[in-house]
Amino acid sequence: MKCFEKLVRGHIAALLPPGFDPHQFAYRTNRSTEDAVTTALHAALSHLERQGNYVRMLFVDYSSAFNTILPHRLVYKLGELGLPHPTRMWITSFLTDRQQRVRVGQHTSTALSLSTGSPQGCVLSPLLYCLYTYDCTSAHHSNTIIKFADDTTVVGLISGGDESAYRDEVERLSVWCRENNLLLNSTKTKELIIDYRRKRTDIKPLHIGGKCVERVADFRFLGVHIEQGLTWNVNTFELIKKAQQRLYFLRVLRKNNIKEKLLVSLYRCSIESILTYCICVWYNNSTAAQRKALQRVVNTAQKIIGCSLPSLEDLHSDRCLKKAQLITKDTSHPGYSLFTLMPSGRRYRAIRTRTNRFRHSFYPTAITKLNAIK
């Protein structure tokens, strides 16, 4: 069945328009959590370049998002996207009248027929959810809705203290959720405010469904800890803590005379992967002390294994350059328009920056690195 689902998935993907839902970053080629975070932060940082501006980021939580999909509404949306009638009817059959049982030990419950939701664990479920939520887009140009599967983030760019567009966007999102049978969990939904204004005014709390949304100082956004000051202290601490725990296993294997090649493989998959997760997002804006602390983990691993390992600075540079080159070849990527060639056609136009925090973010850094190899 899963093999057949892969064929159907390929068939549906081939029928979708090229610019389909550019801010949905899950289950798509050349998209990752790193792309989602860089897009959200670029919108915020470019807006914060102007004095008097601040940003409100709403991290929306849904209750059992995959289980609340309405098949008939999904099929209607597939029709709007231009999918043929036989394909839509097959999906209707796939999602309705599904038999489900619960087994505990030797005991099995009676069968229950389900006609709501997309079954988790199926190959098609992630794509169907993305198709179901493709029309969840921002209504105001000052807001951006970033999606990674069911993780939804509303980035509100506030100018002159006018929050009407942002509050209207959140209200529209609440209405959209009700119309599409998605349960917005206001208790787990959090809000983060990035505000560098010298003369700060009291920012009124946000309410969803009559409940006040909790305001937090930091939030784990797609695995990256975002702080209200964008200082990366919490993110660095969590990375070091997790990586140091893995060093113990490296030491144990070394004591048992495991070959160097296998130790390097273990380091790359279990330690380096942690230290470099979304490294294009945070490394360039981290402090010298934070970088040294992270590099010490690499140096410790080098001593344990007994061979040299690539530094985090080199890994960051290589990955930024590689990601930038991929984006310049993908016209559907949200960041593609930021890479504009100069009239000569040899170099990319640099992004104007006023502050170091924006200058050291991913897109200005990536353009600089691309121009350096031209």
Foldseek 3Di string as FASTA:
>chain_A
DLVVLVVLVVVLVVLFDQQQQQQAQAPDPLGDLLLLLLVLVLLQQVLVLDAQKKKKKKWWDWDQLQQAFQLVLLLVLSVVRPDDPVSSVVSQVVQFQDWDWDDDPPDIDDTDGDRGGDDPPHPCSQVSQCSLCRPLAQPDPQWGWHHHRRTIMIMGMDHPNDCPSVLVSVVVNLVVCVVRRIGTDQAPMEMEMADDHPDDDDDDFHDDPNHTRHYDQWDQRSNAIAGSPRARPVRLVVLLVQLVVLVVVLLVVLVVVDALVVSVVSCVVRRVCSLCPSCLARVLNYDPVSQVSSQVSQVVSCVSSVHHDDGPVVVNLVVLQVSLVVLCVRPSHPCNVQFDADPVRLAGDADDGDDPNSCRGRSNVNRVSSNVVD
